[in-house]
Amino acid sequence: MTASTTLRCFSRLKSTLPSPSILRPSPNRSFHSTTPLAAKNRIFTSPHHPRRHFRQTLTTPPSAQSSVRNEEELTSLLLLSATNRTPLITLWTASWCPSCKVVAPVIRDLIEGEGVGEDVGGVGYTEVEIDAPTLGELGMRYMINSIPTLLSFSRQEAQLNTKVTSVEEMKDREFLRLWIQEEARRGGAGGAGGGGLFGGMFGLGGR
């Protein structure tokens, strides 16, 4: 191969290579390996209409919150939470209960606003209206003897040993924060014995 032929081959090869400006990273570009994770806590609400389809929201104002009013609705939420392997926290309320109106916004703010429990898997939350005429015997089934009552479900099992019935405790923001965190830590593991921090500390069976 002559020197002139070699030079022509080198020139053609050089013309096919990317220019240095293409290979050099742009100072204005940034790269991310993953998109930001969505919030894990979920507030379940149901608009007031005949079919009452439940939806998940993190932005529904308290005035628009709607409670579970029949067994089918609660069963649907329990199945959804079990599928997602997240505990479902229920606040049992009544239309005539003034304490419920004080407690409910605090719980919602901890779950929705502060994201308590999200670092260990998150929780779902809904309110159950015990004086709804369509609720049937759900209150009796889960031994709801006072209003308000906080009851967590894990894999559709009621965690009766960590049930909270003390209004004073439910008004205690720090107590609620620890309780929600502990229920979230359960992570859908099931077992109605309660165990854990609160079951062990208090021997709970409804406080």
N, C-alpha and C. Protein backbone atom coordinates (compact mmCIF):
# COMPACT_ATOMS: atom_id res chain seq x y z
N MET A 1 0.87 -1.20 0.00
CA MET A 1 0.00 0.00 0.00
C MET A 1 0.89 1.23 0.00
N THR A 2 0.65 2.15 -0.90
CA THR A 2 1.46 3.36 -0.99
C THR A 2 1.11 4.32 0.11
N ALA A 3 1.99 5.28 0.32
CA ALA A 3 1.76 6.27 1.37
C ALA A 3 0.53 7.10 1.08
N SER A 4 0.27 7.42 -0.18
CA SER A 4 -0.90 8.23 -0.52
C SER A 4 -2.19 7.47 -0.27
N THR A 5 -2.20 6.15 -0.54
CA THR A 5 -3.39 5.33 -0.28
C THR A 5 -3.67 5.25 1.21
N THR A 6 -2.62 5.08 2.02
CA THR A 6 -2.77 5.02 3.48
C THR A 6 -3.35 6.32 4.02
N LEU A 7 -2.88 7.43 3.48
CA LEU A 7 -3.36 8.74 3.94
C LEU A 7 -4.84 8.91 3.63
N ARG A 8 -5.28 8.47 2.41
CA ARG A 8 -6.69 8.59 2.05
C ARG A 8 -7.58 7.74 2.97
N CYS A 9 -7.11 6.50 3.33
CA CYS A 9 -7.88 5.63 4.23
C CYS A 9 -8.02 6.25 5.61
N PHE A 10 -6.93 6.84 6.10
CA PHE A 10 -6.97 7.48 7.43
C PHE A 10 -7.94 8.66 7.44
N SER A 11 -7.95 9.41 6.34
CA SER A 11 -8.83 10.58 6.26
C SER A 11 -10.29 10.15 6.28
N ARG A 12 -10.63 9.07 5.52
CA ARG A 12 -12.01 8.60 5.51
C ARG A 12 -12.43 8.09 6.90
N LEU A 13 -11.51 7.37 7.60
CA LEU A 13 -11.83 6.87 8.95
C LEU A 13 -12.05 8.01 9.92
N LYS A 14 -11.25 9.04 9.85
CA LYS A 14 -11.37 10.18 10.75
C LYS A 14 -12.70 10.90 10.56
N SER A 15 -13.16 10.94 9.29
CA SER A 15 -14.41 11.66 9.02
C SER A 15 -15.63 10.96 9.60
N THR A 16 -15.52 9.65 9.89
CA THR A 16 -16.66 8.91 10.45
C THR A 16 -16.71 8.94 11.96
N LEU A 17 -15.68 9.42 12.63
CA LEU A 17 -15.65 9.45 14.09
C LEU A 17 -16.41 10.66 14.61
N PRO A 18 -17.07 10.53 15.83
CA PRO A 18 -17.76 11.69 16.43
C PRO A 18 -16.79 12.79 16.74
N SER A 19 -17.24 14.01 16.61
CA SER A 19 -16.37 15.14 16.94
C SER A 19 -16.22 15.25 18.44
N PRO A 20 -15.13 15.84 18.93
CA PRO A 20 -14.93 15.99 20.38
C PRO A 20 -16.07 16.71 21.07
N SER A 21 -16.74 17.63 20.38
CA SER A 21 -17.84 18.37 21.01
C SER A 21 -19.02 17.47 21.31
N ILE A 22 -19.18 16.37 20.51
CA ILE A 22 -20.26 15.44 20.77
C ILE A 22 -19.95 14.57 21.96
N LEU A 23 -18.67 14.17 22.08
CA LEU A 23 -18.27 13.28 23.17
C LEU A 23 -18.19 14.00 24.50
N ARG A 24 -17.97 15.32 24.49
CA ARG A 24 -17.79 16.08 25.73
C ARG A 24 -19.13 16.31 26.41
N PRO A 25 -19.27 15.95 27.73
CA PRO A 25 -20.55 16.17 28.44
C PRO A 25 -20.90 17.64 28.48
N SER A 26 -22.18 17.92 28.32
CA SER A 26 -22.64 19.30 28.40
C SER A 26 -22.69 19.74 29.85
N PRO A 27 -22.15 20.91 30.18
CA PRO A 27 -22.15 21.38 31.59
C PRO A 27 -23.56 21.66 32.10
N ASN A 28 -24.54 21.83 31.21
CA ASN A 28 -25.89 22.17 31.64
C ASN A 28 -26.80 20.97 31.82
N ARG A 29 -26.34 19.76 31.51
CA ARG A 29 -27.19 18.59 31.59
C ARG A 29 -26.97 17.87 32.92
N SER A 30 -28.05 17.33 33.45
CA SER A 30 -27.95 16.52 34.68
C SER A 30 -28.67 15.21 34.43
N PHE A 31 -28.23 14.18 35.11
CA PHE A 31 -28.79 12.85 34.91
C PHE A 31 -29.32 12.32 36.22
N HIS A 32 -30.46 11.60 36.17
CA HIS A 32 -31.09 11.02 37.36
C HIS A 32 -31.35 9.56 37.07
N SER A 33 -31.00 8.71 38.04
CA SER A 33 -31.18 7.27 37.83
C SER A 33 -32.64 6.85 37.99
N THR A 34 -33.37 7.56 38.87
CA THR A 34 -34.77 7.21 39.10
C THR A 34 -35.59 8.47 39.23
N THR A 35 -36.87 8.36 38.99
CA THR A 35 -37.78 9.47 39.24
C THR A 35 -38.13 9.49 40.71
N PRO A 36 -38.55 10.64 41.26
CA PRO A 36 -38.92 10.70 42.68
C PRO A 36 -40.03 9.73 43.01
N LEU A 37 -39.92 9.08 44.16
CA LEU A 37 -40.92 8.11 44.57
C LEU A 37 -42.20 8.82 45.02
N ALA A 38 -43.34 8.25 44.69
CA ALA A 38 -44.62 8.82 45.13
C ALA A 38 -44.83 8.53 46.60
N ALA A 39 -45.65 9.35 47.25
CA ALA A 39 -45.96 9.15 48.66
C ALA A 39 -46.63 7.81 48.85
N LYS A 40 -46.30 7.13 49.96
CA LYS A 40 -46.82 5.79 50.20
C LYS A 40 -48.11 5.82 51.01
N ASN A 41 -48.30 6.85 51.83
CA ASN A 41 -49.53 6.92 52.61
C ASN A 41 -50.70 7.28 51.71
N ARG A 42 -51.87 6.72 52.02
CA ARG A 42 -53.04 6.95 51.19
C ARG A 42 -54.25 7.27 52.06
N ILE A 43 -54.95 8.31 51.68
CA ILE A 43 -56.21 8.67 52.32
C ILE A 43 -57.32 8.21 51.39
N PHE A 44 -58.17 7.32 51.85
CA PHE A 44 -59.24 6.80 51.01
C PHE A 44 -60.52 7.61 51.27
N THR A 45 -61.10 8.11 50.20
CA THR A 45 -62.33 8.89 50.30
C THR A 45 -63.33 8.37 49.29
N SER A 46 -64.58 8.75 49.49
CA SER A 46 -65.63 8.35 48.56
C SER A 46 -66.55 9.53 48.32
N PRO A 47 -66.66 10.00 47.10
CA PRO A 47 -67.58 11.10 46.82
C PRO A 47 -69.03 10.68 47.12
N HIS A 48 -69.85 11.61 47.47
CA HIS A 48 -71.26 11.30 47.79
C HIS A 48 -72.06 11.12 46.50
N HIS A 49 -72.12 9.91 46.03
CA HIS A 49 -73.00 9.58 44.93
C HIS A 49 -73.41 8.12 45.08
N PRO A 50 -74.47 7.66 44.40
CA PRO A 50 -75.05 6.35 44.66
C PRO A 50 -74.06 5.20 44.62
N ARG A 51 -73.10 5.20 43.67
CA ARG A 51 -72.21 4.05 43.55
C ARG A 51 -71.02 4.14 44.50
N ARG A 52 -70.70 5.35 44.99
CA ARG A 52 -69.65 5.56 46.00
C ARG A 52 -68.35 4.86 45.64
N HIS A 53 -67.79 5.14 44.50
CA HIS A 53 -66.49 4.58 44.14
C HIS A 53 -65.42 5.22 45.02
N PHE A 54 -64.62 4.38 45.66
CA PHE A 54 -63.55 4.93 46.48
C PHE A 54 -62.38 5.33 45.60
N ARG A 55 -61.73 6.37 46.01
CA ARG A 55 -60.53 6.80 45.31
C ARG A 55 -59.46 7.13 46.33
N GLN A 56 -58.21 7.24 45.86
CA GLN A 56 -57.09 7.56 46.73
C GLN A 56 -56.70 9.00 46.47
N THR A 57 -56.45 9.74 47.54
CA THR A 57 -56.08 11.13 47.35
C THR A 57 -55.19 11.60 48.48
N LEU A 58 -54.35 12.55 48.19
CA LEU A 58 -53.54 13.19 49.21
C LEU A 58 -53.89 14.66 49.33
N THR A 59 -54.94 15.08 48.63
CA THR A 59 -55.25 16.51 48.59
C THR A 59 -56.69 16.83 48.94
N THR A 60 -57.49 15.83 49.29
CA THR A 60 -58.89 16.09 49.58
C THR A 60 -59.05 16.87 50.88
N PRO A 61 -59.71 18.03 50.86
CA PRO A 61 -59.88 18.81 52.09
C PRO A 61 -60.79 18.08 53.06
N PRO A 62 -60.64 18.33 54.37
CA PRO A 62 -61.45 17.64 55.37
C PRO A 62 -62.94 17.73 55.10
N SER A 63 -63.43 18.84 54.59
CA SER A 63 -64.86 18.99 54.37
C SER A 63 -65.38 18.04 53.30
N ALA A 64 -64.47 17.55 52.44
CA ALA A 64 -64.88 16.66 51.36
C ALA A 64 -64.68 15.19 51.71
N GLN A 65 -64.13 14.91 52.90
CA GLN A 65 -63.90 13.54 53.30
C GLN A 65 -65.23 12.82 53.44
N SER A 66 -65.25 11.55 53.06
CA SER A 66 -66.46 10.75 53.16
C SER A 66 -66.13 9.42 53.81
N SER A 67 -66.97 8.98 54.73
CA SER A 67 -66.69 7.79 55.53
C SER A 67 -67.23 6.53 54.88
N VAL A 68 -66.64 5.41 55.29
CA VAL A 68 -67.18 4.10 54.95
C VAL A 68 -68.54 3.96 55.62
N ARG A 69 -69.53 3.47 54.85
CA ARG A 69 -70.88 3.38 55.40
C ARG A 69 -71.51 2.01 55.22
N ASN A 70 -70.78 1.05 54.66
CA ASN A 70 -71.31 -0.31 54.58
C ASN A 70 -70.18 -1.31 54.51
N GLU A 71 -70.50 -2.57 54.69
CA GLU A 71 -69.48 -3.62 54.77
C GLU A 71 -68.72 -3.78 53.45
N GLU A 72 -69.41 -3.62 52.34
CA GLU A 72 -68.77 -3.79 51.03
C GLU A 72 -67.65 -2.78 50.83
N GLU A 73 -67.87 -1.55 51.26
CA GLU A 73 -66.84 -0.53 51.12
C GLU A 73 -65.61 -0.86 51.96
N LEU A 74 -65.82 -1.29 53.20
CA LEU A 74 -64.69 -1.63 54.05
C LEU A 74 -63.95 -2.84 53.48
N THR A 75 -64.68 -3.83 53.02
CA THR A 75 -64.04 -5.02 52.43
C THR A 75 -63.17 -4.65 51.24
N SER A 76 -63.65 -3.75 50.41
CA SER A 76 -62.88 -3.31 49.24
C SER A 76 -61.56 -2.67 49.66
N LEU A 77 -61.62 -1.83 50.68
CA LEU A 77 -60.40 -1.16 51.14
C LEU A 77 -59.44 -2.15 51.81
N LEU A 78 -59.98 -3.12 52.54
CA LEU A 78 -59.14 -4.13 53.17
C LEU A 78 -58.42 -4.96 52.12
N LEU A 79 -59.14 -5.32 51.06
CA LEU A 79 -58.51 -6.09 49.98
C LEU A 79 -57.42 -5.27 49.29
N LEU A 80 -57.71 -4.00 49.04
CA LEU A 80 -56.73 -3.14 48.38
C LEU A 80 -55.47 -2.98 49.25
N SER A 81 -55.66 -2.78 50.54
CA SER A 81 -54.52 -2.62 51.44
C SER A 81 -53.72 -3.90 51.55
N ALA A 82 -54.41 -5.04 51.59
CA ALA A 82 -53.70 -6.32 51.66
C ALA A 82 -52.89 -6.56 50.40
N THR A 83 -53.45 -6.19 49.25
CA THR A 83 -52.74 -6.33 47.99
C THR A 83 -51.48 -5.48 47.97
N ASN A 84 -51.57 -4.27 48.53
CA ASN A 84 -50.43 -3.35 48.57
C ASN A 84 -49.50 -3.62 49.74
N ARG A 85 -49.87 -4.59 50.59
CA ARG A 85 -49.07 -4.95 51.77
C ARG A 85 -48.86 -3.73 52.68
N THR A 86 -49.92 -2.95 52.84
CA THR A 86 -49.87 -1.83 53.77
C THR A 86 -51.03 -1.94 54.74
N PRO A 87 -50.82 -1.66 56.02
CA PRO A 87 -51.92 -1.69 56.99
C PRO A 87 -52.96 -0.62 56.65
N LEU A 88 -54.20 -0.90 57.01
CA LEU A 88 -55.28 0.08 56.86
C LEU A 88 -55.68 0.57 58.25
N ILE A 89 -55.52 1.84 58.48
CA ILE A 89 -55.92 2.45 59.75
C ILE A 89 -57.33 3.00 59.60
N THR A 90 -58.20 2.60 60.50
CA THR A 90 -59.59 3.07 60.46
C THR A 90 -59.90 3.87 61.72
N LEU A 91 -60.58 4.98 61.53
CA LEU A 91 -61.09 5.77 62.65
C LEU A 91 -62.60 5.62 62.63
N TRP A 92 -63.14 5.01 63.69
CA TRP A 92 -64.58 4.79 63.79
C TRP A 92 -65.20 6.02 64.43
N THR A 93 -66.12 6.63 63.69
CA THR A 93 -66.70 7.91 64.10
C THR A 93 -68.22 7.82 64.09
N ALA A 94 -68.85 8.91 64.49
CA ALA A 94 -70.32 9.02 64.43
C ALA A 94 -70.65 10.48 64.14
N SER A 95 -71.79 10.70 63.53
CA SER A 95 -72.19 12.05 63.16
C SER A 95 -72.41 12.94 64.38
N TRP A 96 -72.74 12.32 65.52
CA TRP A 96 -73.04 13.08 66.73
C TRP A 96 -71.82 13.26 67.63
N CYS A 97 -70.63 12.80 67.20
CA CYS A 97 -69.44 12.75 68.07
C CYS A 97 -68.57 13.99 67.93
N PRO A 98 -68.56 14.90 68.93
CA PRO A 98 -67.72 16.10 68.83
C PRO A 98 -66.22 15.78 68.92
N SER A 99 -65.86 14.76 69.70
CA SER A 99 -64.44 14.40 69.81
C SER A 99 -63.87 13.91 68.48
N CYS A 100 -64.72 13.26 67.68
CA CYS A 100 -64.27 12.77 66.38
C CYS A 100 -63.82 13.91 65.49
N LYS A 101 -64.53 15.02 65.59
CA LYS A 101 -64.21 16.18 64.75
C LYS A 101 -62.89 16.83 65.18
N VAL A 102 -62.47 16.56 66.41
CA VAL A 102 -61.19 17.07 66.89
C VAL A 102 -60.06 16.11 66.51
N VAL A 103 -60.31 14.83 66.67
CA VAL A 103 -59.28 13.80 66.48
C VAL A 103 -58.97 13.57 65.00
N ALA A 104 -60.01 13.50 64.17
CA ALA A 104 -59.82 13.13 62.76
C ALA A 104 -58.83 14.03 62.02
N PRO A 105 -58.92 15.36 62.14
CA PRO A 105 -57.97 16.20 61.41
C PRO A 105 -56.52 15.99 61.86
N VAL A 106 -56.31 15.68 63.13
CA VAL A 106 -54.96 15.44 63.63
C VAL A 106 -54.38 14.19 62.99
N ILE A 107 -55.18 13.12 62.95
CA ILE A 107 -54.71 11.86 62.35
C ILE A 107 -54.43 12.05 60.86
N ARG A 108 -55.35 12.74 60.17
CA ARG A 108 -55.15 12.96 58.74
C ARG A 108 -53.89 13.77 58.47
N ASP A 109 -53.63 14.76 59.31
CA ASP A 109 -52.45 15.60 59.10
C ASP A 109 -51.17 14.80 59.31
N LEU A 110 -51.16 13.93 60.31
CA LEU A 110 -49.98 13.10 60.56
C LEU A 110 -49.72 12.16 59.38
N ILE A 111 -50.79 11.56 58.86
CA ILE A 111 -50.65 10.59 57.77
C ILE A 111 -50.41 11.28 56.43
N GLU A 112 -51.19 12.33 56.18
CA GLU A 112 -51.14 12.99 54.88
C GLU A 112 -50.11 14.11 54.84
N GLY A 113 -50.10 14.95 55.88
CA GLY A 113 -49.21 16.10 55.89
C GLY A 113 -47.78 15.75 56.23
N GLU A 114 -47.59 15.00 57.32
CA GLU A 114 -46.24 14.67 57.78
C GLU A 114 -45.71 13.38 57.16
N GLY A 115 -46.60 12.55 56.63
CA GLY A 115 -46.14 11.29 56.04
C GLY A 115 -45.61 10.31 57.05
N VAL A 116 -46.18 10.31 58.26
CA VAL A 116 -45.72 9.40 59.30
C VAL A 116 -45.89 7.95 58.83
N GLY A 117 -44.85 7.16 58.97
CA GLY A 117 -44.88 5.76 58.60
C GLY A 117 -44.41 5.46 57.20
N GLU A 118 -44.24 6.48 56.37
CA GLU A 118 -43.82 6.22 55.00
C GLU A 118 -42.43 5.62 54.91
N ASP A 119 -41.58 5.93 55.89
CA ASP A 119 -40.21 5.40 55.84
C ASP A 119 -40.16 3.91 56.12
N VAL A 120 -41.26 3.33 56.60
CA VAL A 120 -41.27 1.89 56.87
C VAL A 120 -42.36 1.18 56.06
N GLY A 121 -42.87 1.83 55.01
CA GLY A 121 -43.82 1.16 54.13
C GLY A 121 -45.15 1.85 53.94
N GLY A 122 -45.50 2.76 54.85
CA GLY A 122 -46.72 3.53 54.67
C GLY A 122 -47.98 2.85 55.20
N VAL A 123 -49.07 3.60 55.22
CA VAL A 123 -50.36 3.11 55.69
C VAL A 123 -51.47 3.66 54.79
N GLY A 124 -52.62 3.02 54.86
CA GLY A 124 -53.83 3.58 54.30
C GLY A 124 -54.71 4.08 55.44
N TYR A 125 -55.61 4.99 55.14
CA TYR A 125 -56.46 5.55 56.20
C TYR A 125 -57.85 5.81 55.66
N THR A 126 -58.84 5.46 56.47
CA THR A 126 -60.22 5.80 56.17
C THR A 126 -61.00 5.96 57.46
N GLU A 127 -62.18 6.56 57.36
CA GLU A 127 -63.05 6.73 58.51
C GLU A 127 -64.31 5.91 58.31
N VAL A 128 -64.78 5.29 59.38
CA VAL A 128 -65.97 4.43 59.32
C VAL A 128 -67.07 5.08 60.15
N GLU A 129 -68.19 5.34 59.53
CA GLU A 129 -69.30 6.03 60.21
C GLU A 129 -70.21 4.98 60.85
N ILE A 130 -70.05 4.79 62.15
CA ILE A 130 -70.70 3.67 62.83
C ILE A 130 -72.21 3.83 62.93
N ASP A 131 -72.71 5.07 62.87
CA ASP A 131 -74.16 5.25 62.96
C ASP A 131 -74.84 5.28 61.59
N ALA A 132 -74.12 4.93 60.54
CA ALA A 132 -74.74 4.82 59.22
C ALA A 132 -75.71 3.63 59.23
N PRO A 133 -76.93 3.81 58.79
CA PRO A 133 -77.92 2.72 58.84
C PRO A 133 -77.54 1.51 57.99
N THR A 134 -76.62 1.71 57.04
CA THR A 134 -76.23 0.60 56.16
C THR A 134 -74.98 -0.14 56.64
N LEU A 135 -74.47 0.23 57.80
CA LEU A 135 -73.22 -0.39 58.28
C LEU A 135 -73.45 -1.78 58.85
N GLY A 136 -74.66 -2.07 59.26
CA GLY A 136 -74.95 -3.40 59.79
C GLY A 136 -74.27 -3.64 61.13
N GLU A 137 -73.70 -4.86 61.30
CA GLU A 137 -73.12 -5.27 62.57
C GLU A 137 -71.60 -5.18 62.58
N LEU A 138 -71.04 -4.36 61.70
CA LEU A 138 -69.58 -4.25 61.64
C LEU A 138 -68.98 -3.79 62.96
N GLY A 139 -69.65 -2.84 63.60
CA GLY A 139 -69.14 -2.35 64.89
C GLY A 139 -69.06 -3.46 65.92
N MET A 140 -70.08 -4.29 66.00
CA MET A 140 -70.08 -5.41 66.94
C MET A 140 -69.00 -6.42 66.57
N ARG A 141 -68.82 -6.68 65.29
CA ARG A 141 -67.84 -7.67 64.85
C ARG A 141 -66.43 -7.30 65.31
N TYR A 142 -66.13 -6.00 65.26
CA TYR A 142 -64.78 -5.57 65.63
C TYR A 142 -64.73 -4.97 67.03
N MET A 143 -65.76 -5.23 67.81
CA MET A 143 -65.80 -4.82 69.22
C MET A 143 -65.57 -3.33 69.40
N ILE A 144 -66.29 -2.54 68.60
CA ILE A 144 -66.23 -1.08 68.73
C ILE A 144 -67.26 -0.68 69.79
N ASN A 145 -66.76 -0.42 70.98
CA ASN A 145 -67.65 -0.14 72.12
C ASN A 145 -67.68 1.33 72.50
N SER A 146 -66.82 2.12 71.90
CA SER A 146 -66.79 3.55 72.21
C SER A 146 -66.37 4.32 70.96
N ILE A 147 -66.76 5.56 70.92
CA ILE A 147 -66.48 6.44 69.78
C ILE A 147 -65.78 7.69 70.29
N PRO A 148 -64.68 8.10 69.67
CA PRO A 148 -64.02 7.47 68.51
C PRO A 148 -63.16 6.27 68.92
N THR A 149 -62.85 5.43 67.96
CA THR A 149 -61.94 4.29 68.15
C THR A 149 -61.01 4.21 66.95
N LEU A 150 -59.74 3.97 67.25
CA LEU A 150 -58.74 3.74 66.21
C LEU A 150 -58.46 2.25 66.13
N LEU A 151 -58.58 1.69 64.94
CA LEU A 151 -58.36 0.26 64.75
C LEU A 151 -57.60 0.05 63.45
N SER A 152 -56.49 -0.67 63.55
CA SER A 152 -55.68 -0.97 62.38
C SER A 152 -55.97 -2.38 61.88
N PHE A 153 -55.91 -2.54 60.55
CA PHE A 153 -56.06 -3.86 59.93
C PHE A 153 -54.77 -4.19 59.18
N SER A 154 -54.32 -5.41 59.33
CA SER A 154 -53.15 -5.87 58.60
C SER A 154 -53.51 -7.17 57.90
N ARG A 155 -53.38 -7.20 56.57
CA ARG A 155 -53.81 -8.35 55.77
C ARG A 155 -55.25 -8.74 56.10
N GLN A 156 -56.08 -7.75 56.23
CA GLN A 156 -57.51 -7.87 56.49
C GLN A 156 -57.83 -8.34 57.90
N GLU A 157 -56.84 -8.47 58.76
CA GLU A 157 -57.07 -8.89 60.15
C GLU A 157 -57.09 -7.67 61.06
N ALA A 158 -58.12 -7.57 61.88
CA ALA A 158 -58.22 -6.47 62.83
C ALA A 158 -57.18 -6.66 63.93
N GLN A 159 -56.39 -5.62 64.17
CA GLN A 159 -55.35 -5.67 65.21
C GLN A 159 -55.96 -5.19 66.53
N LEU A 160 -56.76 -6.08 67.13
CA LEU A 160 -57.52 -5.70 68.32
C LEU A 160 -56.62 -5.37 69.50
N ASN A 161 -55.45 -5.97 69.55
CA ASN A 161 -54.56 -5.73 70.68
C ASN A 161 -53.94 -4.33 70.66
N THR A 162 -54.00 -3.64 69.54
CA THR A 162 -53.46 -2.29 69.50
C THR A 162 -54.56 -1.24 69.27
N LYS A 163 -55.80 -1.66 69.44
CA LYS A 163 -56.93 -0.74 69.29
C LYS A 163 -56.84 0.37 70.33
N VAL A 164 -57.17 1.59 69.91
CA VAL A 164 -57.10 2.75 70.80
C VAL A 164 -58.51 3.31 70.99
N THR A 165 -58.93 3.42 72.24
CA THR A 165 -60.26 3.95 72.55
C THR A 165 -60.20 5.19 73.44
N SER A 166 -59.04 5.52 73.96
CA SER A 166 -58.89 6.68 74.83
C SER A 166 -58.87 7.97 74.02
N VAL A 167 -59.83 8.84 74.27
CA VAL A 167 -59.89 10.11 73.55
C VAL A 167 -58.68 10.96 73.87
N GLU A 168 -58.23 10.92 75.12
CA GLU A 168 -57.06 11.71 75.51
C GLU A 168 -55.82 11.28 74.74
N GLU A 169 -55.66 9.99 74.55
CA GLU A 169 -54.50 9.51 73.77
C GLU A 169 -54.64 9.90 72.31
N MET A 170 -55.85 9.88 71.79
CA MET A 170 -56.05 10.25 70.40
C MET A 170 -55.87 11.76 70.17
N LYS A 171 -55.96 12.54 71.23
CA LYS A 171 -55.70 13.97 71.12
C LYS A 171 -54.21 14.29 71.30
N ASP A 172 -53.44 13.28 71.71
CA ASP A 172 -52.01 13.44 71.95
C ASP A 172 -51.27 13.18 70.63
N ARG A 173 -50.79 14.23 70.03
CA ARG A 173 -50.17 14.12 68.70
C ARG A 173 -48.95 13.20 68.71
N GLU A 174 -48.15 13.28 69.74
CA GLU A 174 -46.94 12.45 69.80
C GLU A 174 -47.30 10.97 69.98
N PHE A 175 -48.32 10.69 70.79
CA PHE A 175 -48.78 9.31 70.93
C PHE A 175 -49.25 8.77 69.58
N LEU A 176 -50.05 9.56 68.87
CA LEU A 176 -50.56 9.13 67.57
C LEU A 176 -49.42 8.88 66.59
N ARG A 177 -48.42 9.76 66.62
CA ARG A 177 -47.29 9.60 65.71
C ARG A 177 -46.59 8.25 65.94
N LEU A 178 -46.36 7.91 67.20
CA LEU A 178 -45.71 6.63 67.52
C LEU A 178 -46.61 5.45 67.16
N TRP A 179 -47.91 5.60 67.41
CA TRP A 179 -48.84 4.50 67.12
C TRP A 179 -48.92 4.23 65.62
N ILE A 180 -49.05 5.28 64.82
CA ILE A 180 -49.11 5.12 63.36
C ILE A 180 -47.81 4.51 62.84
N GLN A 181 -46.70 4.99 63.36
CA GLN A 181 -45.39 4.46 62.94
C GLN A 181 -45.28 2.97 63.22
N GLU A 182 -45.74 2.56 64.38
CA GLU A 182 -45.67 1.15 64.75
C GLU A 182 -46.59 0.31 63.87
N GLU A 183 -47.78 0.82 63.58
CA GLU A 183 -48.69 0.07 62.70
C GLU A 183 -48.12 -0.02 61.28
N ALA A 184 -47.50 1.06 60.80
CA ALA A 184 -46.88 1.03 59.47
C ALA A 184 -45.75 0.02 59.42
N ARG A 185 -45.02 -0.10 60.52
CA ARG A 185 -43.89 -1.04 60.57
C ARG A 185 -44.36 -2.49 60.41
N ARG A 186 -45.62 -2.74 60.74
CA ARG A 186 -46.17 -4.08 60.59
C ARG A 186 -46.12 -4.52 59.13
N GLY A 187 -46.28 -3.56 58.22
CA GLY A 187 -46.09 -3.81 56.80
C GLY A 187 -46.95 -4.90 56.21
N GLY A 188 -48.18 -5.03 56.66
CA GLY A 188 -49.05 -6.05 56.10
C GLY A 188 -48.69 -7.45 56.53
N ALA A 189 -47.98 -7.57 57.66
CA ALA A 189 -47.53 -8.88 58.10
C ALA A 189 -48.63 -9.71 58.72
N GLY A 190 -49.75 -9.09 59.05
CA GLY A 190 -50.89 -9.82 59.61
C GLY A 190 -50.65 -10.21 61.04
N GLY A 191 -51.57 -11.03 61.56
CA GLY A 191 -51.47 -11.46 62.95
C GLY A 191 -52.26 -10.55 63.85
N ALA A 192 -53.36 -11.04 64.38
CA ALA A 192 -54.25 -10.19 65.17
C ALA A 192 -53.76 -10.01 66.59
N GLY A 193 -52.63 -10.60 66.92
CA GLY A 193 -52.14 -10.52 68.29
C GLY A 193 -51.64 -9.15 68.67
N GLY A 194 -51.32 -8.32 67.67
CA GLY A 194 -50.88 -6.97 67.98
C GLY A 194 -49.40 -6.92 68.26
N GLY A 195 -48.92 -7.59 69.31
CA GLY A 195 -47.51 -7.64 69.61
C GLY A 195 -46.89 -6.26 69.57
N GLY A 196 -45.67 -6.20 69.03
CA GLY A 196 -45.02 -4.92 68.77
C GLY A 196 -44.90 -4.03 69.99
N LEU A 197 -44.56 -2.81 69.75
CA LEU A 197 -44.33 -1.84 70.82
C LEU A 197 -45.56 -1.63 71.67
N PHE A 198 -46.71 -1.38 71.05
CA PHE A 198 -47.89 -1.03 71.81
C PHE A 198 -48.53 -2.24 72.47
N GLY A 199 -48.55 -3.37 71.76
CA GLY A 199 -49.11 -4.56 72.38
C GLY A 199 -48.29 -4.99 73.58
N GLY A 200 -46.95 -4.89 73.44
CA GLY A 200 -46.08 -5.31 74.52
C GLY A 200 -46.10 -4.35 75.70
N MET A 201 -46.16 -3.06 75.40
CA MET A 201 -46.11 -2.07 76.47
C MET A 201 -47.38 -2.03 77.30
N PHE A 202 -48.51 -2.16 76.63
CA PHE A 202 -49.77 -1.92 77.32
C PHE A 202 -50.64 -3.15 77.51
N GLY A 203 -50.26 -4.27 76.85
CA GLY A 203 -51.13 -5.44 76.91
C GLY A 203 -52.50 -5.09 76.38
N LEU A 204 -52.53 -4.45 75.23
CA LEU A 204 -53.73 -3.80 74.74
C LEU A 204 -54.82 -4.78 74.38
N GLY A 205 -56.01 -4.34 74.54
CA GLY A 205 -57.17 -5.04 74.05
C GLY A 205 -58.24 -3.99 73.88
N GLY A 206 -57.78 -2.81 73.55
CA GLY A 206 -58.64 -1.63 73.52
C GLY A 206 -58.33 -0.80 74.73
N ARG A 207 -57.77 0.38 74.52
CA ARG A 207 -57.40 1.21 75.67
C ARG A 207 -58.40 2.34 75.83
